[in-house]
């Protein structure tokens, strides 16, 4: 899984381009076998889907049927937050 997170100067389009190039050109993975995810939002937390990332993936040439919304439950940062709640200092 590759992802991108907003630390400092952040350019989502470039991050998607770099990740796609890494997977398909550097690692040589066949494009037709790849699926990608974007954050699909979370109504309970008041978080909207990242439709900008979805649109950028479409513009990059990823077929719509291979772009899947991810959820907050499986989101990296959500997992880190939940783990930190169990740590008592």
PDB file of N, CA and C in Angstrom:
ATOM      1  N   UNK A   1       0.837  -1.171   0.000  1.00  0.00           N
ATOM      2  CA  UNK A   1       0.000   0.000   0.000  1.00  0.00           C
ATOM      3  C   UNK A   1       0.886   1.239   0.000  1.00  0.00           C
ATOM      4  N   UNK A   2       0.590   2.134  -0.879  1.00  0.00           N
ATOM      5  CA  UNK A   2       1.237   3.439  -0.867  1.00  0.00           C
ATOM      6  C   UNK A   2       0.205   4.466  -0.458  1.00  0.00           C
ATOM      7  N   UNK A   3       0.638   5.486   0.178  1.00  0.00           N
ATOM      8  CA  UNK A   3      -0.275   6.548   0.559  1.00  0.00           C
ATOM      9  C   UNK A   3       0.469   7.860   0.559  1.00  0.00           C
ATOM     10  N   UNK A   4      -0.270   8.910   0.782  1.00  0.00           N
ATOM     11  CA  UNK A   4       0.389  10.204   0.909  1.00  0.00           C
ATOM     12  C   UNK A   4      -0.299  10.972   2.020  1.00  0.00           C
ATOM     13  N   UNK A   5       0.498  11.689   2.791  1.00  0.00           N
ATOM     14  CA  UNK A   5      -0.010  12.413   3.941  1.00  0.00           C
ATOM     15  C   UNK A   5       0.523  13.830   3.919  1.00  0.00           C
ATOM     16  N   UNK A   6      -0.237  14.796   4.413  1.00  0.00           N
ATOM     17  CA  UNK A   6       0.135  16.201   4.310  1.00  0.00           C
ATOM     18  C   UNK A   6       1.108  16.685   5.380  1.00  0.00           C
ATOM     19  N   UNK A   7       2.394  16.501   5.126  1.00  0.00           N
ATOM     20  CA  UNK A   7       3.425  17.065   5.981  1.00  0.00           C
ATOM     21  C   UNK A   7       4.084  18.208   5.221  1.00  0.00           C
ATOM     22  N   UNK A   8       4.096  19.397   5.790  1.00  0.00           N
ATOM     23  CA  UNK A   8       4.770  20.519   5.143  1.00  0.00           C
ATOM     24  C   UNK A   8       4.154  20.851   3.794  1.00  0.00           C
ATOM     25  N   UNK A   9       5.009  21.220   2.836  1.00  0.00           N
ATOM     26  CA  UNK A   9       4.528  21.492   1.480  1.00  0.00           C
ATOM     27  C   UNK A   9       3.982  20.204   0.908  1.00  0.00           C
ATOM     28  N   UNK A  10       2.758  20.233   0.464  1.00  0.00           N
ATOM     29  CA  UNK A  10       2.063  19.008   0.084  1.00  0.00           C
ATOM     30  C   UNK A  10       1.363  19.207  -1.246  1.00  0.00           C
ATOM     31  N   UNK A  11       1.643  18.327  -2.161  1.00  0.00           N
ATOM     32  CA  UNK A  11       1.035  18.384  -3.479  1.00  0.00           C
ATOM     33  C   UNK A  11       0.479  17.009  -3.816  1.00  0.00           C
ATOM     34  N   UNK A  12      -0.825  16.884  -3.688  1.00  0.00           N
ATOM     35  CA  UNK A  12      -1.488  15.588  -3.862  1.00  0.00           C
ATOM     36  C   UNK A  12      -1.284  15.028  -5.258  1.00  0.00           C
ATOM     37  N   UNK A  13      -1.421  15.872  -6.282  1.00  0.00           N
ATOM     38  CA  UNK A  13      -1.269  15.392  -7.653  1.00  0.00           C
ATOM     39  C   UNK A  13       0.113  14.796  -7.862  1.00  0.00           C
ATOM     40  N   UNK A  14       1.129  15.506  -7.409  1.00  0.00           N
ATOM     41  CA  UNK A  14       2.497  15.030  -7.579  1.00  0.00           C
ATOM     42  C   UNK A  14       2.733  13.739  -6.794  1.00  0.00           C
ATOM     43  N   UNK A  15       2.170  13.641  -5.604  1.00  0.00           N
ATOM     44  CA  UNK A  15       2.322  12.428  -4.805  1.00  0.00           C
ATOM     45  C   UNK A  15       1.696  11.228  -5.513  1.00  0.00           C
ATOM     46  N   UNK A  16       0.524  11.424  -6.113  1.00  0.00           N
ATOM     47  CA  UNK A  16      -0.128  10.347  -6.862  1.00  0.00           C
ATOM     48  C   UNK A  16       0.701   9.976  -8.082  1.00  0.00           C
ATOM     49  N   UNK A  17       1.201  10.975  -8.800  1.00  0.00           N
ATOM     50  CA  UNK A  17       2.038  10.712  -9.975  1.00  0.00           C
ATOM     51  C   UNK A  17       3.299   9.940  -9.606  1.00  0.00           C
ATOM     52  N   UNK A  18       3.950  10.347  -8.523  1.00  0.00           N
ATOM     53  CA  UNK A  18       5.177   9.672  -8.097  1.00  0.00           C
ATOM     54  C   UNK A  18       4.882   8.224  -7.704  1.00  0.00           C
ATOM     55  N   UNK A  19       3.810   8.008  -6.949  1.00  0.00           N
ATOM     56  CA  UNK A  19       3.459   6.651  -6.523  1.00  0.00           C
ATOM     57  C   UNK A  19       3.132   5.764  -7.725  1.00  0.00           C
ATOM     58  N   UNK A  20       2.362   6.293  -8.677  1.00  0.00           N
ATOM     59  CA  UNK A  20       1.985   5.517  -9.860  1.00  0.00           C
ATOM     60  C   UNK A  20       3.220   5.183 -10.703  1.00  0.00           C
ATOM     61  N   UNK A  21       4.105   6.147 -10.858  1.00  0.00           N
ATOM     62  CA  UNK A  21       5.343   5.921 -11.612  1.00  0.00           C
ATOM     63  C   UNK A  21       6.200   4.868 -10.909  1.00  0.00           C
ATOM     64  N   UNK A  22       6.319   4.965  -9.604  1.00  0.00           N
ATOM     65  CA  UNK A  22       7.099   3.991  -8.843  1.00  0.00           C
ATOM     66  C   UNK A  22       6.563   2.574  -9.064  1.00  0.00           C
ATOM     67  N   UNK A  23       5.261   2.426  -8.923  1.00  0.00           N
ATOM     68  CA  UNK A  23       4.659   1.097  -9.050  1.00  0.00           C
ATOM     69  C   UNK A  23       4.744   0.541 -10.468  1.00  0.00           C
ATOM     70  N   UNK A  24       4.448   1.372 -11.456  1.00  0.00           N
ATOM     71  CA  UNK A  24       4.310   0.863 -12.821  1.00  0.00           C
ATOM     72  C   UNK A  24       5.584   0.923 -13.648  1.00  0.00           C
ATOM     73  N   UNK A  25       6.407   1.947 -13.432  1.00  0.00           N
ATOM     74  CA  UNK A  25       7.606   2.085 -14.256  1.00  0.00           C
ATOM     75  C   UNK A  25       8.866   1.580 -13.549  1.00  0.00           C
ATOM     76  N   UNK A  26       9.025   1.911 -12.288  1.00  0.00           N
ATOM     77  CA  UNK A  26      10.221   1.484 -11.554  1.00  0.00           C
ATOM     78  C   UNK A  26      10.097   0.011 -11.148  1.00  0.00           C
ATOM     79  N   UNK A  27       8.979  -0.334 -10.480  1.00  0.00           N
ATOM     80  CA  UNK A  27       8.778  -1.719 -10.049  1.00  0.00           C
ATOM     81  C   UNK A  27       8.248  -2.609 -11.167  1.00  0.00           C
ATOM     82  N   UNK A  28       7.692  -2.004 -12.210  1.00  0.00           N
ATOM     83  CA  UNK A  28       7.201  -2.763 -13.356  1.00  0.00           C
ATOM     84  C   UNK A  28       5.922  -3.547 -13.116  1.00  0.00           C
ATOM     85  N   UNK A  29       5.119  -3.121 -12.149  1.00  0.00           N
ATOM     86  CA  UNK A  29       3.849  -3.815 -11.912  1.00  0.00           C
ATOM     87  C   UNK A  29       2.879  -3.496 -13.046  1.00  0.00           C
ATOM     88  N   UNK A  30       2.151  -4.499 -13.533  1.00  0.00           N
ATOM     89  CA  UNK A  30       1.218  -4.245 -14.633  1.00  0.00           C
ATOM     90  C   UNK A  30       0.048  -3.361 -14.191  1.00  0.00           C
ATOM     91  N   UNK A  31      -0.161  -2.268 -14.911  1.00  0.00           N
ATOM     92  CA  UNK A  31      -1.229  -1.319 -14.578  1.00  0.00           C
ATOM     93  C   UNK A  31      -2.591  -1.989 -14.505  1.00  0.00           C
ATOM     94  N   UNK A  32      -2.824  -2.936 -15.390  1.00  0.00           N
ATOM     95  CA  UNK A  32      -4.136  -3.576 -15.457  1.00  0.00           C
ATOM     96  C   UNK A  32      -4.415  -4.496 -14.271  1.00  0.00           C
ATOM     97  N   UNK A  33      -3.449  -4.709 -13.402  1.00  0.00           N
ATOM     98  CA  UNK A  33      -3.653  -5.554 -12.225  1.00  0.00           C
ATOM     99  C   UNK A  33      -3.732  -4.750 -10.931  1.00  0.00           C
ATOM    100  N   UNK A  34      -3.551  -3.437 -11.028  1.00  0.00           N
ATOM    101  CA  UNK A  34      -3.525  -2.603  -9.829  1.00  0.00           C
ATOM    102  C   UNK A  34      -4.897  -2.025  -9.492  1.00  0.00           C
ATOM    103  N   UNK A  35      -5.177  -1.980  -8.218  1.00  0.00           N
ATOM    104  CA  UNK A  35      -6.339  -1.293  -7.668  1.00  0.00           C
ATOM    105  C   UNK A  35      -5.808  -0.222  -6.735  1.00  0.00           C
ATOM    106  N   UNK A  36      -6.517   0.878  -6.628  1.00  0.00           N
ATOM    107  CA  UNK A  36      -6.100   1.961  -5.734  1.00  0.00           C
ATOM    108  C   UNK A  36      -7.273   2.374  -4.853  1.00  0.00           C
ATOM    109  N   UNK A  37      -6.944   2.984  -3.729  1.00  0.00           N
ATOM    110  CA  UNK A  37      -7.992   3.478  -2.841  1.00  0.00           C
ATOM    111  C   UNK A  37      -7.806   4.972  -2.602  1.00  0.00           C
ATOM    112  N   UNK A  38      -8.877   5.588  -2.203  1.00  0.00           N
ATOM    113  CA  UNK A  38      -8.870   6.971  -1.733  1.00  0.00           C
ATOM    114  C   UNK A  38      -9.731   6.989  -0.483  1.00  0.00           C
ATOM    115  N   UNK A  39      -9.590   8.007   0.336  1.00  0.00           N
ATOM    116  CA  UNK A  39     -10.384   8.074   1.554  1.00  0.00           C
ATOM    117  C   UNK A  39     -11.836   8.359   1.195  1.00  0.00           C
ATOM    118  N   UNK A  40     -12.714   7.437   1.559  1.00  0.00           N
ATOM    119  CA  UNK A  40     -14.123   7.538   1.209  1.00  0.00           C
ATOM    120  C   UNK A  40     -14.959   8.367   2.168  1.00  0.00           C
ATOM    121  N   UNK A  41     -14.323   8.956   3.182  1.00  0.00           N
ATOM    122  CA  UNK A  41     -15.052   9.781   4.139  1.00  0.00           C
ATOM    123  C   UNK A  41     -15.593   8.973   5.303  1.00  0.00           C
ATOM    124  N   UNK A  42     -16.157   9.681   6.264  1.00  0.00           N
ATOM    125  CA  UNK A  42     -16.758   9.049   7.432  1.00  0.00           C
ATOM    126  C   UNK A  42     -17.828   9.986   7.985  1.00  0.00           C
ATOM    127  N   UNK A  43     -19.079   9.614   7.783  1.00  0.00           N
ATOM    128  CA  UNK A  43     -20.189  10.465   8.228  1.00  0.00           C
ATOM    129  C   UNK A  43     -20.184  10.686   9.725  1.00  0.00           C
ATOM    130  N   UNK A  44     -19.883   9.625  10.507  1.00  0.00           N
ATOM    131  CA  UNK A  44     -19.896   9.746  11.964  1.00  0.00           C
ATOM    132  C   UNK A  44     -18.886  10.768  12.460  1.00  0.00           C
ATOM    133  N   UNK A  45     -17.768  10.900  11.771  1.00  0.00           N
ATOM    134  CA  UNK A  45     -16.742  11.850  12.178  1.00  0.00           C
ATOM    135  C   UNK A  45     -16.843  13.181  11.425  1.00  0.00           C
ATOM    136  N   UNK A  46     -17.831  13.269  10.531  1.00  0.00           N
ATOM    137  CA  UNK A  46     -18.021  14.500   9.768  1.00  0.00           C
ATOM    138  C   UNK A  46     -16.936  14.722   8.721  1.00  0.00           C
ATOM    139  N   UNK A  47     -16.354  13.645   8.218  1.00  0.00           N
ATOM    140  CA  UNK A  47     -15.278  13.739   7.234  1.00  0.00           C
ATOM    141  C   UNK A  47     -15.799  13.427   5.840  1.00  0.00           C
ATOM    142  N   UNK A  48     -15.533  14.312   4.915  1.00  0.00           N
ATOM    143  CA  UNK A  48     -15.967  14.131   3.525  1.00  0.00           C
ATOM    144  C   UNK A  48     -15.019  13.204   2.782  1.00  0.00           C
ATOM    145  N   UNK A  49     -15.516  12.560   1.720  1.00  0.00           N
ATOM    146  CA  UNK A  49     -14.625  11.753   0.881  1.00  0.00           C
ATOM    147  C   UNK A  49     -13.594  12.642   0.185  1.00  0.00           C
ATOM    148  N   UNK A  50     -12.434  12.076  -0.086  1.00  0.00           N
ATOM    149  CA  UNK A  50     -11.381  12.806  -0.791  1.00  0.00           C
ATOM    150  C   UNK A  50     -11.610  12.660  -2.296  1.00  0.00           C
ATOM    151  N   UNK A  51     -12.607  13.387  -2.794  1.00  0.00           N
ATOM    152  CA  UNK A  51     -12.965  13.299  -4.209  1.00  0.00           C
ATOM    153  C   UNK A  51     -11.897  13.915  -5.102  1.00  0.00           C
ATOM    154  N   UNK A  52     -11.086  14.813  -4.549  1.00  0.00           N
ATOM    155  CA  UNK A  52      -9.976  15.366  -5.316  1.00  0.00           C
ATOM    156  C   UNK A  52      -8.988  14.255  -5.678  1.00  0.00           C
ATOM    157  N   UNK A  53      -8.643  13.412  -4.710  1.00  0.00           N
ATOM    158  CA  UNK A  53      -7.729  12.295  -4.983  1.00  0.00           C
ATOM    159  C   UNK A  53      -8.349  11.340  -5.998  1.00  0.00           C
ATOM    160  N   UNK A  54      -9.634  11.056  -5.858  1.00  0.00           N
ATOM    161  CA  UNK A  54     -10.303  10.163  -6.809  1.00  0.00           C
ATOM    162  C   UNK A  54     -10.216  10.732  -8.225  1.00  0.00           C
ATOM    163  N   UNK A  55     -10.497  12.013  -8.371  1.00  0.00           N
ATOM    164  CA  UNK A  55     -10.446  12.647  -9.689  1.00  0.00           C
ATOM    165  C   UNK A  55      -9.023  12.633 -10.250  1.00  0.00           C
ATOM    166  N   UNK A  56      -8.035  12.876  -9.419  1.00  0.00           N
ATOM    167  CA  UNK A  56      -6.646  12.843  -9.874  1.00  0.00           C
ATOM    168  C   UNK A  56      -6.253  11.440 -10.342  1.00  0.00           C
ATOM    169  N   UNK A  57      -6.745  10.420  -9.664  1.00  0.00           N
ATOM    170  CA  UNK A  57      -6.472   9.037 -10.083  1.00  0.00           C
ATOM    171  C   UNK A  57      -7.108   8.753 -11.442  1.00  0.00           C
ATOM    172  N   UNK A  58      -8.322   9.243 -11.641  1.00  0.00           N
ATOM    173  CA  UNK A  58      -9.000   9.077 -12.932  1.00  0.00           C
ATOM    174  C   UNK A  58      -8.215   9.798 -14.020  1.00  0.00           C
ATOM    175  N   UNK A  59      -7.793  11.032 -13.740  1.00  0.00           N
ATOM    176  CA  UNK A  59      -7.003  11.788 -14.721  1.00  0.00           C
ATOM    177  C   UNK A  59      -5.685  11.080 -15.035  1.00  0.00           C
ATOM    178  N   UNK A  60      -5.135  10.356 -14.071  1.00  0.00           N
ATOM    179  CA  UNK A  60      -3.876   9.627 -14.254  1.00  0.00           C
ATOM    180  C   UNK A  60      -4.076   8.412 -15.153  1.00  0.00           C
ATOM    181  N   UNK A  61      -5.349   8.046 -15.382  1.00  0.00           N
ATOM    182  CA  UNK A  61      -5.638   6.927 -16.270  1.00  0.00           C
ATOM    183  C   UNK A  61      -6.049   5.646 -15.568  1.00  0.00           C
ATOM    184  N   UNK A  62      -6.247   5.722 -14.258  1.00  0.00           N
ATOM    185  CA  UNK A  62      -6.700   4.544 -13.521  1.00  0.00           C
ATOM    186  C   UNK A  62      -8.181   4.346 -13.830  1.00  0.00           C
ATOM    187  N   UNK A  63      -8.573   3.152 -14.295  1.00  0.00           N
ATOM    188  CA  UNK A  63      -9.994   2.913 -14.585  1.00  0.00           C
ATOM    189  C   UNK A  63     -10.852   3.068 -13.321  1.00  0.00           C
ATOM    190  N   UNK A  64     -12.010   3.689 -13.481  1.00  0.00           N
ATOM    191  CA  UNK A  64     -12.899   3.962 -12.348  1.00  0.00           C
ATOM    192  C   UNK A  64     -13.232   2.685 -11.576  1.00  0.00           C
ATOM    193  N   UNK A  65     -13.375   1.571 -12.271  1.00  0.00           N
ATOM    194  CA  UNK A  65     -13.732   0.328 -11.589  1.00  0.00           C
ATOM    195  C   UNK A  65     -12.570  -0.245 -10.771  1.00  0.00           C
ATOM    196  N   UNK A  66     -11.407   0.391 -10.817  1.00  0.00           N
ATOM    197  CA  UNK A  66     -10.258  -0.047 -10.020  1.00  0.00           C
ATOM    198  C   UNK A  66      -9.889   0.978  -8.939  1.00  0.00           C
ATOM    199  N   UNK A  67     -10.783   1.944  -8.733  1.00  0.00           N
ATOM    200  CA  UNK A  67     -10.601   2.960  -7.690  1.00  0.00           C
ATOM    201  C   UNK A  67     -11.653   2.698  -6.614  1.00  0.00           C
ATOM    202  N   UNK A  68     -11.192   2.384  -5.418  1.00  0.00           N
ATOM    203  CA  UNK A  68     -12.078   1.920  -4.349  1.00  0.00           C
ATOM    204  C   UNK A  68     -12.007   2.890  -3.162  1.00  0.00           C
ATOM    205  N   UNK A  69     -13.172   3.285  -2.622  1.00  0.00           N
ATOM    206  CA  UNK A  69     -13.136   4.145  -1.438  1.00  0.00           C
ATOM    207  C   UNK A  69     -12.702   3.351  -0.206  1.00  0.00           C
ATOM    208  N   UNK A  70     -11.747   3.903   0.543  1.00  0.00           N
ATOM    209  CA  UNK A  70     -11.336   3.305   1.810  1.00  0.00           C
ATOM    210  C   UNK A  70     -12.134   3.939   2.937  1.00  0.00           C
ATOM    211  N   UNK A  71     -12.125   3.307   4.098  1.00  0.00           N
ATOM    212  CA  UNK A  71     -12.911   3.840   5.212  1.00  0.00           C
ATOM    213  C   UNK A  71     -12.017   4.287   6.357  1.00  0.00           C
ATOM    214  N   UNK A  72     -12.592   4.991   7.295  1.00  0.00           N
ATOM    215  CA  UNK A  72     -11.835   5.511   8.435  1.00  0.00           C
ATOM    216  C   UNK A  72     -11.315   4.381   9.309  1.00  0.00           C
ATOM    217  N   UNK A  73     -12.040   3.279   9.388  1.00  0.00           N
ATOM    218  CA  UNK A  73     -11.623   2.147  10.217  1.00  0.00           C
ATOM    219  C   UNK A  73     -10.253   1.629   9.803  1.00  0.00           C
ATOM    220  N   UNK A  74      -9.981   1.597   8.506  1.00  0.00           N
ATOM    221  CA  UNK A  74      -8.720   1.070   8.002  1.00  0.00           C
ATOM    222  C   UNK A  74      -7.706   2.164   7.698  1.00  0.00           C
ATOM    223  N   UNK A  75      -8.046   3.408   8.012  1.00  0.00           N
ATOM    224  CA  UNK A  75      -7.157   4.528   7.745  1.00  0.00           C
ATOM    225  C   UNK A  75      -5.979   4.488   8.705  1.00  0.00           C
ATOM    226  N   UNK A  76      -4.777   4.671   8.186  1.00  0.00           N
ATOM    227  CA  UNK A  76      -3.542   4.621   8.978  1.00  0.00           C
ATOM    228  C   UNK A  76      -3.605   5.514  10.206  1.00  0.00           C
ATOM    229  N   UNK A  77      -4.030   6.746  10.043  1.00  0.00           N
ATOM    230  CA  UNK A  77      -4.024   7.690  11.159  1.00  0.00           C
ATOM    231  C   UNK A  77      -5.058   7.322  12.199  1.00  0.00           C
ATOM    232  N   UNK A  78      -6.189   6.784  11.777  1.00  0.00           N
ATOM    233  CA  UNK A  78      -7.209   6.371  12.725  1.00  0.00           C
ATOM    234  C   UNK A  78      -6.686   5.228  13.587  1.00  0.00           C
ATOM    235  N   UNK A  79      -5.984   4.300  12.994  1.00  0.00           N
ATOM    236  CA  UNK A  79      -5.420   3.182  13.743  1.00  0.00           C
ATOM    237  C   UNK A  79      -4.422   3.715  14.763  1.00  0.00           C
ATOM    238  N   UNK A  80      -3.554   4.633  14.354  1.00  0.00           N
ATOM    239  CA  UNK A  80      -2.581   5.214  15.272  1.00  0.00           C
ATOM    240  C   UNK A  80      -3.256   5.922  16.427  1.00  0.00           C
ATOM    241  N   UNK A  81      -4.331   6.633  16.143  1.00  0.00           N
ATOM    242  CA  UNK A  81      -5.055   7.329  17.200  1.00  0.00           C
ATOM    243  C   UNK A  81      -5.627   6.330  18.196  1.00  0.00           C
ATOM    244  N   UNK A  82      -6.258   5.253  17.681  1.00  0.00           N
ATOM    245  CA  UNK A  82      -6.850   4.262  18.574  1.00  0.00           C
ATOM    246  C   UNK A  82      -5.785   3.573  19.413  1.00  0.00           C
ATOM    247  N   UNK A  83      -4.645   3.279  18.833  1.00  0.00           N
ATOM    248  CA  UNK A  83      -3.567   2.641  19.592  1.00  0.00           C
ATOM    249  C   UNK A  83      -3.076   3.565  20.697  1.00  0.00           C
ATOM    250  N   UNK A  84      -2.947   4.859  20.398  1.00  0.00           N
ATOM    251  CA  UNK A  84      -2.478   5.810  21.396  1.00  0.00           C
ATOM    252  C   UNK A  84      -3.452   5.952  22.554  1.00  0.00           C
ATOM    253  N   UNK A  85      -4.716   5.715  22.335  1.00  0.00           N
ATOM    254  CA  UNK A  85      -5.708   5.837  23.407  1.00  0.00           C
ATOM    255  C   UNK A  85      -5.496   4.754  24.464  1.00  0.00           C
ATOM    256  N   UNK A  86      -4.879   3.634  24.076  1.00  0.00           N
ATOM    257  CA  UNK A  86      -4.643   2.534  25.002  1.00  0.00           C
ATOM    258  C   UNK A  86      -3.361   2.705  25.812  1.00  0.00           C
ATOM    259  N   UNK A  87      -2.527   3.668  25.423  1.00  0.00           N
ATOM    260  CA  UNK A  87      -1.239   3.867  26.080  1.00  0.00           C
ATOM    261  C   UNK A  87      -1.443   4.854  27.238  1.00  0.00           C
ATOM    262  N   UNK A  88      -1.165   4.408  28.431  1.00  0.00           N
ATOM    263  CA  UNK A  88      -1.279   5.268  29.607  1.00  0.00           C
ATOM    264  C   UNK A  88       0.121   5.624  30.075  1.00  0.00           C
ATOM    265  N   UNK A  89       0.416   6.925  30.154  1.00  0.00           N
ATOM    266  CA  UNK A  89       1.753   7.371  30.552  1.00  0.00           C
ATOM    267  C   UNK A  89       1.725   7.864  31.977  1.00  0.00           C
TER     268      UNK A  89
END
